[in-house]
């Protein structure tokens, strides 16, 4: 498997979601090497980047409302996030 995201792109996602503050979605990741699926988490500042991004296979975002969906989708399009 090859990653379509590099550390810069992961950091861009982290930074944009952190800036949303109260509107930021929860996230969970799947580890590429172990298959571990993390529990849902809402801390974009420390937890998302803890351990680096090298083993992230994918990230899933939990959206709670239509308004949050529109905001997050707009950001993902703006930063050209693949997915």
C-alpha atoms as a PDB file:
ATOM      1  CA  UNK A   1       0.000   0.000   0.000  1.00  0.00           C
ATOM      2  CA  UNK A   2       1.062   3.541  -0.702  1.00  0.00           C
ATOM      3  CA  UNK A   3      -0.171   6.588   1.146  1.00  0.00           C
ATOM      4  CA  UNK A   4      -1.906   9.370  -0.753  1.00  0.00           C
ATOM      5  CA  UNK A   5      -1.305  11.680   2.205  1.00  0.00           C
ATOM      6  CA  UNK A   6       2.049  12.984   3.387  1.00  0.00           C
ATOM      7  CA  UNK A   7       2.861  14.549   6.767  1.00  0.00           C
ATOM      8  CA  UNK A   8       2.150  18.018   5.391  1.00  0.00           C
ATOM      9  CA  UNK A   9      -1.341  17.009   4.269  1.00  0.00           C
ATOM     10  CA  UNK A  10      -2.127  15.282   7.587  1.00  0.00           C
ATOM     11  CA  UNK A  11      -0.945  18.377   9.450  1.00  0.00           C
ATOM     12  CA  UNK A  12      -3.103  20.573   7.222  1.00  0.00           C
ATOM     13  CA  UNK A  13      -6.152  18.471   8.124  1.00  0.00           C
ATOM     14  CA  UNK A  14      -5.262  18.558  11.829  1.00  0.00           C
ATOM     15  CA  UNK A  15      -4.725  22.298  11.838  1.00  0.00           C
ATOM     16  CA  UNK A  16      -7.962  23.103  10.003  1.00  0.00           C
ATOM     17  CA  UNK A  17     -10.060  20.854  12.255  1.00  0.00           C
ATOM     18  CA  UNK A  18      -8.403  22.280  15.373  1.00  0.00           C
ATOM     19  CA  UNK A  19      -9.288  25.806  14.244  1.00  0.00           C
ATOM     20  CA  UNK A  20     -12.990  24.895  14.199  1.00  0.00           C
ATOM     21  CA  UNK A  21     -12.922  24.689  18.019  1.00  0.00           C
ATOM     22  CA  UNK A  22     -16.483  23.813  19.161  1.00  0.00           C
ATOM     23  CA  UNK A  23     -17.516  22.761  15.636  1.00  0.00           C
ATOM     24  CA  UNK A  24     -14.637  20.343  15.097  1.00  0.00           C
ATOM     25  CA  UNK A  25     -15.699  16.758  14.448  1.00  0.00           C
ATOM     26  CA  UNK A  26     -14.502  13.754  16.383  1.00  0.00           C
ATOM     27  CA  UNK A  27     -12.112  11.448  14.557  1.00  0.00           C
ATOM     28  CA  UNK A  28     -10.708   7.947  14.619  1.00  0.00           C
ATOM     29  CA  UNK A  29      -7.901   6.379  12.634  1.00  0.00           C
ATOM     30  CA  UNK A  30      -6.939   2.952  11.390  1.00  0.00           C
ATOM     31  CA  UNK A  31      -3.310   1.917  11.764  1.00  0.00           C
ATOM     32  CA  UNK A  32      -1.730   0.719   8.538  1.00  0.00           C
ATOM     33  CA  UNK A  33       0.681  -1.760  10.134  1.00  0.00           C
ATOM     34  CA  UNK A  34      -1.401  -3.258  12.968  1.00  0.00           C
ATOM     35  CA  UNK A  35      -4.967  -2.726  11.748  1.00  0.00           C
ATOM     36  CA  UNK A  36      -5.803  -1.072  15.085  1.00  0.00           C
ATOM     37  CA  UNK A  37      -8.917   1.105  14.981  1.00  0.00           C
ATOM     38  CA  UNK A  38      -8.611   3.924  17.485  1.00  0.00           C
ATOM     39  CA  UNK A  39     -11.537   4.994  19.667  1.00  0.00           C
ATOM     40  CA  UNK A  40     -13.344   8.215  18.780  1.00  0.00           C
ATOM     41  CA  UNK A  41     -11.418  11.276  19.942  1.00  0.00           C
ATOM     42  CA  UNK A  42     -12.016  15.009  19.766  1.00  0.00           C
ATOM     43  CA  UNK A  43      -8.536  16.342  20.549  1.00  0.00           C
ATOM     44  CA  UNK A  44      -7.041  17.632  17.305  1.00  0.00           C
ATOM     45  CA  UNK A  45      -4.190  19.532  18.984  1.00  0.00           C
ATOM     46  CA  UNK A  46      -2.239  16.767  20.759  1.00  0.00           C
ATOM     47  CA  UNK A  47      -3.869  13.373  20.210  1.00  0.00           C
ATOM     48  CA  UNK A  48      -4.221  13.432  16.426  1.00  0.00           C
ATOM     49  CA  UNK A  49      -0.522  14.046  15.830  1.00  0.00           C
ATOM     50  CA  UNK A  50       0.723  11.915  18.727  1.00  0.00           C
ATOM     51  CA  UNK A  51       3.183   9.358  17.364  1.00  0.00           C
ATOM     52  CA  UNK A  52       3.311  10.967  13.930  1.00  0.00           C
ATOM     53  CA  UNK A  53       1.310  10.235  10.807  1.00  0.00           C
ATOM     54  CA  UNK A  54       3.358   7.486   9.171  1.00  0.00           C
ATOM     55  CA  UNK A  55       1.115   4.591  10.171  1.00  0.00           C
ATOM     56  CA  UNK A  56      -2.306   6.164   9.525  1.00  0.00           C
ATOM     57  CA  UNK A  57      -4.156   4.219   6.852  1.00  0.00           C
ATOM     58  CA  UNK A  58      -7.264   6.384   7.034  1.00  0.00           C
ATOM     59  CA  UNK A  59      -9.135   8.825   9.235  1.00  0.00           C
ATOM     60  CA  UNK A  60     -12.886   8.867   9.760  1.00  0.00           C
ATOM     61  CA  UNK A  61     -14.719  11.998  10.867  1.00  0.00           C
ATOM     62  CA  UNK A  62     -17.888  11.888  12.974  1.00  0.00           C
ATOM     63  CA  UNK A  63     -20.261  14.648  11.885  1.00  0.00           C
ATOM     64  CA  UNK A  64     -23.066  15.599  14.292  1.00  0.00           C
ATOM     65  CA  UNK A  65     -25.181  18.028  12.290  1.00  0.00           C
ATOM     66  CA  UNK A  66     -25.946  19.318   8.823  1.00  0.00           C
ATOM     67  CA  UNK A  67     -24.283  22.639   9.675  1.00  0.00           C
ATOM     68  CA  UNK A  68     -21.110  20.877  10.817  1.00  0.00           C
ATOM     69  CA  UNK A  69     -21.186  18.720   7.678  1.00  0.00           C
ATOM     70  CA  UNK A  70     -21.274  21.803   5.438  1.00  0.00           C
ATOM     71  CA  UNK A  71     -18.406  23.461   7.318  1.00  0.00           C
ATOM     72  CA  UNK A  72     -16.183  20.373   7.323  1.00  0.00           C
ATOM     73  CA  UNK A  73     -16.926  19.503   3.698  1.00  0.00           C
ATOM     74  CA  UNK A  74     -16.025  23.059   2.667  1.00  0.00           C
ATOM     75  CA  UNK A  75     -12.684  22.784   4.453  1.00  0.00           C
ATOM     76  CA  UNK A  76     -11.900  19.357   2.985  1.00  0.00           C
ATOM     77  CA  UNK A  77     -12.558  20.708  -0.499  1.00  0.00           C
ATOM     78  CA  UNK A  78     -10.508  23.837   0.198  1.00  0.00           C
ATOM     79  CA  UNK A  79      -7.451  21.828   1.249  1.00  0.00           C
ATOM     80  CA  UNK A  80      -7.982  19.271  -1.556  1.00  0.00           C
ATOM     81  CA  UNK A  81      -8.091  16.323   0.802  1.00  0.00           C
ATOM     82  CA  UNK A  82      -8.301  13.033  -1.111  1.00  0.00           C
ATOM     83  CA  UNK A  83     -11.092  10.701  -0.167  1.00  0.00           C
END
